[in-house]
């Protein structure tokens, strides 16, 4: 008897594995329906998703100056603040909030000096560093982003200015939460009905429902946290609501 060609043998083995898989799947599925047929209740998870666009931007920047005297530092900061205000207005931002000035006294060591009796002592100078934070909250996201892209104009003027990455916020989460949880509950019931119908059962009533965490993530992201995520890094977002529901069967 001639040996079976290798390609044919592989095909036979693949067929056997596939048949075994189908038998196992069918067995598991049958057991699932049997459990449904004998159960008094079923618990399922429903979800609702919605893609949204941020409607608020929070932008923060800071002016910093340094001078040997507090008076000189205050005068320099006032000049730079005037330039910053004019820049913001030219860019269409008129609601910037300037926070109180933060003052830092800095001691700089300048080396050692010989005193009487050839004793060396540390010498130092004092400088004052002043900073003032700027914050903008606006629904006109495009205008603020346009301004943010041009802050290098301030630096070109010799102004020590820094800005953080803008935050993007969706403010309608509270009002949308109730509606999305209702959608998630309907999804849970539809899932339950689809499952129990295969076992010859129907849903009688809802026994309990538990709201899952509300996730606001970057668009199409699969990120999530156990206590709910509220993304502020992306302008476009995906909102997900989850409901765990238990239904009595009849």
C-alpha atoms as a PDB file:
ATOM      1  CA  UNK A   1       0.000   0.000   0.000  1.00  0.00           C
ATOM      2  CA  UNK A   2       1.496   3.314  -1.065  1.00  0.00           C
ATOM      3  CA  UNK A   3       1.888   6.061   1.605  1.00  0.00           C
ATOM      4  CA  UNK A   4      -0.610   8.927   1.621  1.00  0.00           C
ATOM      5  CA  UNK A   5       0.844  12.055  -0.056  1.00  0.00           C
ATOM      6  CA  UNK A   6       1.781  14.721   2.519  1.00  0.00           C
ATOM      7  CA  UNK A   7      -0.583  17.483   1.182  1.00  0.00           C
ATOM      8  CA  UNK A   8      -3.473  15.005   1.230  1.00  0.00           C
ATOM      9  CA  UNK A   9      -2.572  13.916   4.766  1.00  0.00           C
ATOM     10  CA  UNK A  10      -2.555  17.532   5.984  1.00  0.00           C
ATOM     11  CA  UNK A  11      -5.952  18.066   4.395  1.00  0.00           C
ATOM     12  CA  UNK A  12      -7.345  15.013   6.173  1.00  0.00           C
ATOM     13  CA  UNK A  13      -5.958  16.179   9.527  1.00  0.00           C
ATOM     14  CA  UNK A  14      -7.359  19.684   9.011  1.00  0.00           C
ATOM     15  CA  UNK A  15     -10.761  18.193   8.264  1.00  0.00           C
ATOM     16  CA  UNK A  16     -10.631  16.100  11.435  1.00  0.00           C
ATOM     17  CA  UNK A  17      -9.709  19.144  13.560  1.00  0.00           C
ATOM     18  CA  UNK A  18     -12.546  21.179  12.005  1.00  0.00           C
ATOM     19  CA  UNK A  19     -15.043  18.388  12.638  1.00  0.00           C
ATOM     20  CA  UNK A  20     -13.873  18.092  16.248  1.00  0.00           C
ATOM     21  CA  UNK A  21     -14.244  21.853  16.698  1.00  0.00           C
ATOM     22  CA  UNK A  22     -17.789  21.789  15.364  1.00  0.00           C
ATOM     23  CA  UNK A  23     -18.706  18.950  17.711  1.00  0.00           C
ATOM     24  CA  UNK A  24     -17.279  20.820  20.721  1.00  0.00           C
ATOM     25  CA  UNK A  25     -19.027  24.064  19.695  1.00  0.00           C
ATOM     26  CA  UNK A  26     -22.315  22.265  19.226  1.00  0.00           C
ATOM     27  CA  UNK A  27     -21.942  20.581  22.616  1.00  0.00           C
ATOM     28  CA  UNK A  28     -21.222  23.878  24.385  1.00  0.00           C
ATOM     29  CA  UNK A  29     -24.109  25.576  22.600  1.00  0.00           C
ATOM     30  CA  UNK A  30     -26.453  22.757  23.569  1.00  0.00           C
ATOM     31  CA  UNK A  31     -25.357  23.012  27.180  1.00  0.00           C
ATOM     32  CA  UNK A  32     -26.000  26.769  27.088  1.00  0.00           C
ATOM     33  CA  UNK A  33     -29.546  26.260  25.833  1.00  0.00           C
ATOM     34  CA  UNK A  34     -30.129  23.569  28.444  1.00  0.00           C
ATOM     35  CA  UNK A  35     -29.010  25.978  31.156  1.00  0.00           C
ATOM     36  CA  UNK A  36     -31.360  28.625  29.767  1.00  0.00           C
ATOM     37  CA  UNK A  37     -34.187  26.090  29.666  1.00  0.00           C
ATOM     38  CA  UNK A  38     -33.696  25.228  33.346  1.00  0.00           C
ATOM     39  CA  UNK A  39     -32.832  28.688  34.673  1.00  0.00           C
ATOM     40  CA  UNK A  40     -35.174  31.017  36.543  1.00  0.00           C
ATOM     41  CA  UNK A  41     -33.377  34.178  35.430  1.00  0.00           C
ATOM     42  CA  UNK A  42     -30.734  35.468  33.057  1.00  0.00           C
ATOM     43  CA  UNK A  43     -28.221  38.284  33.487  1.00  0.00           C
ATOM     44  CA  UNK A  44     -26.873  40.191  30.502  1.00  0.00           C
ATOM     45  CA  UNK A  45     -24.862  43.331  29.785  1.00  0.00           C
ATOM     46  CA  UNK A  46     -26.155  45.967  27.399  1.00  0.00           C
ATOM     47  CA  UNK A  47     -24.285  48.969  26.052  1.00  0.00           C
ATOM     48  CA  UNK A  48     -24.850  52.159  24.088  1.00  0.00           C
ATOM     49  CA  UNK A  49     -22.207  54.159  22.229  1.00  0.00           C
ATOM     50  CA  UNK A  50     -22.214  57.625  20.762  1.00  0.00           C
ATOM     51  CA  UNK A  51     -19.528  59.656  18.977  1.00  0.00           C
ATOM     52  CA  UNK A  52     -19.456  63.284  20.107  1.00  0.00           C
ATOM     53  CA  UNK A  53     -17.424  66.426  19.528  1.00  0.00           C
ATOM     54  CA  UNK A  54     -16.071  68.550  22.386  1.00  0.00           C
ATOM     55  CA  UNK A  55     -17.881  71.837  22.910  1.00  0.00           C
ATOM     56  CA  UNK A  56     -15.421  73.510  25.317  1.00  0.00           C
ATOM     57  CA  UNK A  57     -11.681  74.102  25.224  1.00  0.00           C
ATOM     58  CA  UNK A  58      -9.530  75.015  28.227  1.00  0.00           C
ATOM     59  CA  UNK A  59      -6.203  76.626  27.341  1.00  0.00           C
ATOM     60  CA  UNK A  60      -3.532  77.651  29.847  1.00  0.00           C
ATOM     61  CA  UNK A  61      -0.345  79.645  29.486  1.00  0.00           C
ATOM     62  CA  UNK A  62       2.130  81.403  31.751  1.00  0.00           C
ATOM     63  CA  UNK A  63       4.346  84.512  31.696  1.00  0.00           C
ATOM     64  CA  UNK A  64       7.614  84.430  33.642  1.00  0.00           C
ATOM     65  CA  UNK A  65      10.149  87.165  34.356  1.00  0.00           C
ATOM     66  CA  UNK A  66      13.244  87.426  36.559  1.00  0.00           C
ATOM     67  CA  UNK A  67      15.094  90.469  37.864  1.00  0.00           C
ATOM     68  CA  UNK A  68      17.517  91.484  40.673  1.00  0.00           C
ATOM     69  CA  UNK A  69      14.829  93.556  42.403  1.00  0.00           C
ATOM     70  CA  UNK A  70      11.171  92.952  43.031  1.00  0.00           C
ATOM     71  CA  UNK A  71      10.253  96.383  41.673  1.00  0.00           C
ATOM     72  CA  UNK A  72      12.096  95.772  38.403  1.00  0.00           C
ATOM     73  CA  UNK A  73      10.514  92.313  38.050  1.00  0.00           C
ATOM     74  CA  UNK A  74       7.034  93.751  38.557  1.00  0.00           C
ATOM     75  CA  UNK A  75       7.642  96.425  35.920  1.00  0.00           C
ATOM     76  CA  UNK A  76       8.924  93.869  33.414  1.00  0.00           C
ATOM     77  CA  UNK A  77       5.977  91.540  34.050  1.00  0.00           C
ATOM     78  CA  UNK A  78       3.538  94.417  33.534  1.00  0.00           C
ATOM     79  CA  UNK A  79       5.085  95.155  30.134  1.00  0.00           C
ATOM     80  CA  UNK A  80       4.903  91.524  29.043  1.00  0.00           C
ATOM     81  CA  UNK A  81       1.343  91.185  30.320  1.00  0.00           C
ATOM     82  CA  UNK A  82       0.326  94.144  28.141  1.00  0.00           C
ATOM     83  CA  UNK A  83       1.912  92.472  25.111  1.00  0.00           C
ATOM     84  CA  UNK A  84       0.174  89.177  25.919  1.00  0.00           C
ATOM     85  CA  UNK A  85      -3.244  90.835  26.261  1.00  0.00           C
ATOM     86  CA  UNK A  86      -2.816  92.619  22.937  1.00  0.00           C
ATOM     87  CA  UNK A  87      -1.763  89.356  21.285  1.00  0.00           C
ATOM     88  CA  UNK A  88      -4.813  87.494  22.597  1.00  0.00           C
ATOM     89  CA  UNK A  89      -7.198  90.206  21.439  1.00  0.00           C
ATOM     90  CA  UNK A  90      -5.635  90.248  17.959  1.00  0.00           C
ATOM     91  CA  UNK A  91      -6.237  86.509  17.761  1.00  0.00           C
ATOM     92  CA  UNK A  92      -9.908  86.932  18.679  1.00  0.00           C
ATOM     93  CA  UNK A  93      -9.629  85.802  22.314  1.00  0.00           C
ATOM     94  CA  UNK A  94     -11.220  88.392  24.578  1.00  0.00           C
ATOM     95  CA  UNK A  95     -12.145  86.419  27.698  1.00  0.00           C
ATOM     96  CA  UNK A  96      -8.697  85.457  28.992  1.00  0.00           C
ATOM     97  CA  UNK A  97      -8.373  85.308  32.767  1.00  0.00           C
ATOM     98  CA  UNK A  98      -5.068  86.451  34.316  1.00  0.00           C
ATOM     99  CA  UNK A  99      -4.465  84.766  37.668  1.00  0.00           C
ATOM    100  CA  UNK A 100      -2.689  86.403  40.650  1.00  0.00           C
ATOM    101  CA  UNK A 101       1.078  86.849  40.416  1.00  0.00           C
ATOM    102  CA  UNK A 102       3.278  84.176  42.002  1.00  0.00           C
ATOM    103  CA  UNK A 103       6.520  85.535  43.506  1.00  0.00           C
ATOM    104  CA  UNK A 104       9.624  83.444  44.114  1.00  0.00           C
ATOM    105  CA  UNK A 105      12.767  84.721  45.814  1.00  0.00           C
ATOM    106  CA  UNK A 106      15.916  83.018  44.527  1.00  0.00           C
ATOM    107  CA  UNK A 107      19.314  82.937  46.253  1.00  0.00           C
ATOM    108  CA  UNK A 108      22.173  82.394  43.810  1.00  0.00           C
ATOM    109  CA  UNK A 109      25.604  81.418  45.055  1.00  0.00           C
ATOM    110  CA  UNK A 110      28.340  83.430  43.341  1.00  0.00           C
ATOM    111  CA  UNK A 111      31.423  81.779  44.915  1.00  0.00           C
ATOM    112  CA  UNK A 112      33.643  82.257  47.925  1.00  0.00           C
ATOM    113  CA  UNK A 113      35.228  85.473  49.177  1.00  0.00           C
ATOM    114  CA  UNK A 114      38.225  85.948  51.472  1.00  0.00           C
ATOM    115  CA  UNK A 115      37.286  87.837  54.607  1.00  0.00           C
ATOM    116  CA  UNK A 116      39.429  89.212  57.452  1.00  0.00           C
ATOM    117  CA  UNK A 117      41.723  86.586  58.850  1.00  0.00           C
ATOM    118  CA  UNK A 118      41.853  84.777  55.485  1.00  0.00           C
ATOM    119  CA  UNK A 119      38.547  83.070  56.258  1.00  0.00           C
ATOM    120  CA  UNK A 120      36.503  82.241  53.157  1.00  0.00           C
ATOM    121  CA  UNK A 121      32.757  82.845  53.225  1.00  0.00           C
ATOM    122  CA  UNK A 122      29.978  82.050  50.761  1.00  0.00           C
ATOM    123  CA  UNK A 123      28.626  84.978  48.767  1.00  0.00           C
ATOM    124  CA  UNK A 124      25.263  85.089  47.048  1.00  0.00           C
ATOM    125  CA  UNK A 125      22.889  87.358  45.195  1.00  0.00           C
ATOM    126  CA  UNK A 126      19.133  87.602  45.363  1.00  0.00           C
ATOM    127  CA  UNK A 127      16.845  87.582  42.361  1.00  0.00           C
ATOM    128  CA  UNK A 128      13.072  87.653  42.052  1.00  0.00           C
ATOM    129  CA  UNK A 129      11.121  85.420  39.700  1.00  0.00           C
ATOM    130  CA  UNK A 130       7.529  86.394  38.975  1.00  0.00           C
ATOM    131  CA  UNK A 131       5.015  84.353  37.010  1.00  0.00           C
ATOM    132  CA  UNK A 132       1.402  84.886  36.043  1.00  0.00           C
ATOM    133  CA  UNK A 133      -0.874  82.155  34.736  1.00  0.00           C
ATOM    134  CA  UNK A 134      -3.360  82.827  31.944  1.00  0.00           C
ATOM    135  CA  UNK A 135      -6.464  80.731  31.353  1.00  0.00           C
ATOM    136  CA  UNK A 136      -8.985  80.725  28.514  1.00  0.00           C
ATOM    137  CA  UNK A 137     -12.268  78.771  28.540  1.00  0.00           C
ATOM    138  CA  UNK A 138     -14.212  79.006  25.316  1.00  0.00           C
ATOM    139  CA  UNK A 139     -16.744  77.249  23.145  1.00  0.00           C
ATOM    140  CA  UNK A 140     -15.001  78.684  20.065  1.00  0.00           C
ATOM    141  CA  UNK A 141     -12.483  75.875  19.827  1.00  0.00           C
ATOM    142  CA  UNK A 142     -11.126  76.774  16.386  1.00  0.00           C
ATOM    143  CA  UNK A 143     -10.287  80.346  17.435  1.00  0.00           C
ATOM    144  CA  UNK A 144      -8.419  79.212  20.542  1.00  0.00           C
ATOM    145  CA  UNK A 145      -6.505  76.554  18.622  1.00  0.00           C
ATOM    146  CA  UNK A 146      -5.564  79.158  16.027  1.00  0.00           C
ATOM    147  CA  UNK A 147      -4.262  81.419  18.782  1.00  0.00           C
ATOM    148  CA  UNK A 148      -2.358  78.546  20.393  1.00  0.00           C
ATOM    149  CA  UNK A 149      -0.540  77.836  17.137  1.00  0.00           C
ATOM    150  CA  UNK A 150       0.774  81.421  17.023  1.00  0.00           C
ATOM    151  CA  UNK A 151       2.150  81.817  20.561  1.00  0.00           C
ATOM    152  CA  UNK A 152       5.657  81.665  19.120  1.00  0.00           C
ATOM    153  CA  UNK A 153       5.064  85.310  18.156  1.00  0.00           C
ATOM    154  CA  UNK A 154       5.279  86.184  21.857  1.00  0.00           C
ATOM    155  CA  UNK A 155       8.543  84.297  22.246  1.00  0.00           C
ATOM    156  CA  UNK A 156       9.939  86.117  19.211  1.00  0.00           C
ATOM    157  CA  UNK A 157       9.331  89.355  21.128  1.00  0.00           C
ATOM    158  CA  UNK A 158      11.607  88.136  23.927  1.00  0.00           C
ATOM    159  CA  UNK A 159       8.711  87.201  26.200  1.00  0.00           C
ATOM    160  CA  UNK A 160       9.242  84.098  28.322  1.00  0.00           C
ATOM    161  CA  UNK A 161       5.940  82.384  27.663  1.00  0.00           C
ATOM    162  CA  UNK A 162       4.899  78.751  27.961  1.00  0.00           C
ATOM    163  CA  UNK A 163       1.604  77.007  27.210  1.00  0.00           C
ATOM    164  CA  UNK A 164       0.231  73.603  28.137  1.00  0.00           C
ATOM    165  CA  UNK A 165      -1.631  71.222  25.840  1.00  0.00           C
ATOM    166  CA  UNK A 166      -5.271  72.378  25.518  1.00  0.00           C
ATOM    167  CA  UNK A 167      -7.994  70.352  27.212  1.00  0.00           C
ATOM    168  CA  UNK A 168     -11.088  69.356  25.230  1.00  0.00           C
ATOM    169  CA  UNK A 169     -14.280  68.887  27.223  1.00  0.00           C
ATOM    170  CA  UNK A 170     -17.732  67.591  26.322  1.00  0.00           C
ATOM    171  CA  UNK A 171     -20.087  69.399  28.675  1.00  0.00           C
ATOM    172  CA  UNK A 172     -23.288  67.517  27.762  1.00  0.00           C
ATOM    173  CA  UNK A 173     -22.332  64.246  29.459  1.00  0.00           C
ATOM    174  CA  UNK A 174     -24.734  64.799  32.343  1.00  0.00           C
ATOM    175  CA  UNK A 175     -27.851  65.278  30.244  1.00  0.00           C
ATOM    176  CA  UNK A 176     -26.907  62.539  27.770  1.00  0.00           C
ATOM    177  CA  UNK A 177     -26.160  59.994  30.489  1.00  0.00           C
ATOM    178  CA  UNK A 178     -29.822  59.226  31.292  1.00  0.00           C
ATOM    179  CA  UNK A 179     -30.759  58.800  27.632  1.00  0.00           C
ATOM    180  CA  UNK A 180     -27.757  56.574  26.921  1.00  0.00           C
ATOM    181  CA  UNK A 181     -28.414  54.392  29.957  1.00  0.00           C
ATOM    182  CA  UNK A 182     -31.965  53.861  28.693  1.00  0.00           C
ATOM    183  CA  UNK A 183     -30.523  52.827  25.317  1.00  0.00           C
ATOM    184  CA  UNK A 184     -28.121  50.457  27.080  1.00  0.00           C
ATOM    185  CA  UNK A 185     -31.028  48.920  29.041  1.00  0.00           C
ATOM    186  CA  UNK A 186     -32.957  48.342  25.816  1.00  0.00           C
ATOM    187  CA  UNK A 187     -29.871  46.724  24.323  1.00  0.00           C
ATOM    188  CA  UNK A 188     -29.589  44.444  27.370  1.00  0.00           C
ATOM    189  CA  UNK A 189     -33.223  43.338  27.012  1.00  0.00           C
ATOM    190  CA  UNK A 190     -32.778  42.673  23.285  1.00  0.00           C
ATOM    191  CA  UNK A 191     -29.728  40.525  24.021  1.00  0.00           C
ATOM    192  CA  UNK A 192     -31.595  38.615  26.724  1.00  0.00           C
ATOM    193  CA  UNK A 193     -34.602  37.990  24.460  1.00  0.00           C
ATOM    194  CA  UNK A 194     -32.359  36.719  21.675  1.00  0.00           C
ATOM    195  CA  UNK A 195     -30.585  34.292  24.001  1.00  0.00           C
ATOM    196  CA  UNK A 196     -33.619  32.860  25.823  1.00  0.00           C
ATOM    197  CA  UNK A 197     -35.640  32.442  22.637  1.00  0.00           C
ATOM    198  CA  UNK A 198     -33.146  29.815  21.512  1.00  0.00           C
ATOM    199  CA  UNK A 199     -33.943  27.842  24.666  1.00  0.00           C
ATOM    200  CA  UNK A 200     -37.697  28.067  24.180  1.00  0.00           C
ATOM    201  CA  UNK A 201     -38.154  30.624  26.952  1.00  0.00           C
ATOM    202  CA  UNK A 202     -39.412  34.203  27.182  1.00  0.00           C
ATOM    203  CA  UNK A 203     -38.647  37.097  29.484  1.00  0.00           C
ATOM    204  CA  UNK A 204     -41.117  37.773  32.265  1.00  0.00           C
ATOM    205  CA  UNK A 205     -39.833  40.924  33.975  1.00  0.00           C
ATOM    206  CA  UNK A 206     -36.698  42.760  34.947  1.00  0.00           C
ATOM    207  CA  UNK A 207     -35.462  41.653  38.363  1.00  0.00           C
ATOM    208  CA  UNK A 208     -32.598  44.099  38.775  1.00  0.00           C
ATOM    209  CA  UNK A 209     -30.433  46.545  36.889  1.00  0.00           C
ATOM    210  CA  UNK A 210     -27.037  47.975  37.699  1.00  0.00           C
ATOM    211  CA  UNK A 211     -25.512  50.927  35.969  1.00  0.00           C
ATOM    212  CA  UNK A 212     -21.951  50.411  34.788  1.00  0.00           C
ATOM    213  CA  UNK A 213     -19.288  53.110  34.568  1.00  0.00           C
ATOM    214  CA  UNK A 214     -19.714  55.921  32.047  1.00  0.00           C
ATOM    215  CA  UNK A 215     -16.705  56.119  29.736  1.00  0.00           C
ATOM    216  CA  UNK A 216     -15.695  59.174  27.672  1.00  0.00           C
ATOM    217  CA  UNK A 217     -12.699  58.125  25.582  1.00  0.00           C
ATOM    218  CA  UNK A 218     -10.817  59.360  22.502  1.00  0.00           C
ATOM    219  CA  UNK A 219     -12.687  58.565  19.295  1.00  0.00           C
ATOM    220  CA  UNK A 220     -12.799  54.815  18.580  1.00  0.00           C
ATOM    221  CA  UNK A 221     -10.478  54.148  21.526  1.00  0.00           C
ATOM    222  CA  UNK A 222     -10.769  50.928  23.519  1.00  0.00           C
ATOM    223  CA  UNK A 223      -9.354  52.531  26.668  1.00  0.00           C
ATOM    224  CA  UNK A 224     -11.383  52.335  29.859  1.00  0.00           C
ATOM    225  CA  UNK A 225     -10.955  52.496  33.620  1.00  0.00           C
ATOM    226  CA  UNK A 226     -12.791  50.713  36.414  1.00  0.00           C
ATOM    227  CA  UNK A 227     -14.160  53.994  37.800  1.00  0.00           C
ATOM    228  CA  UNK A 228     -14.985  55.625  34.438  1.00  0.00           C
ATOM    229  CA  UNK A 229     -12.813  57.601  32.063  1.00  0.00           C
ATOM    230  CA  UNK A 230     -13.291  61.258  31.155  1.00  0.00           C
ATOM    231  CA  UNK A 231     -10.883  62.047  28.330  1.00  0.00           C
ATOM    232  CA  UNK A 232      -9.716  65.653  27.829  1.00  0.00           C
ATOM    233  CA  UNK A 233      -6.927  65.020  25.306  1.00  0.00           C
ATOM    234  CA  UNK A 234      -8.964  64.624  22.106  1.00  0.00           C
ATOM    235  CA  UNK A 235     -11.516  66.858  20.459  1.00  0.00           C
ATOM    236  CA  UNK A 236     -13.559  63.964  19.044  1.00  0.00           C
ATOM    237  CA  UNK A 237     -14.699  61.374  21.568  1.00  0.00           C
ATOM    238  CA  UNK A 238     -16.651  58.143  21.991  1.00  0.00           C
ATOM    239  CA  UNK A 239     -19.085  57.909  24.894  1.00  0.00           C
ATOM    240  CA  UNK A 240     -20.102  54.495  26.247  1.00  0.00           C
ATOM    241  CA  UNK A 241     -22.807  53.620  28.771  1.00  0.00           C
ATOM    242  CA  UNK A 242     -23.217  50.109  30.208  1.00  0.00           C
ATOM    243  CA  UNK A 243     -26.093  48.430  32.067  1.00  0.00           C
ATOM    244  CA  UNK A 244     -26.032  44.997  33.718  1.00  0.00           C
ATOM    245  CA  UNK A 245     -29.598  43.662  33.902  1.00  0.00           C
ATOM    246  CA  UNK A 246     -31.208  40.512  35.282  1.00  0.00           C
ATOM    247  CA  UNK A 247     -34.533  39.199  33.944  1.00  0.00           C
ATOM    248  CA  UNK A 248     -36.921  36.581  35.267  1.00  0.00           C
ATOM    249  CA  UNK A 249     -37.853  33.868  32.759  1.00  0.00           C
ATOM    250  CA  UNK A 250     -41.094  32.102  31.997  1.00  0.00           C
END
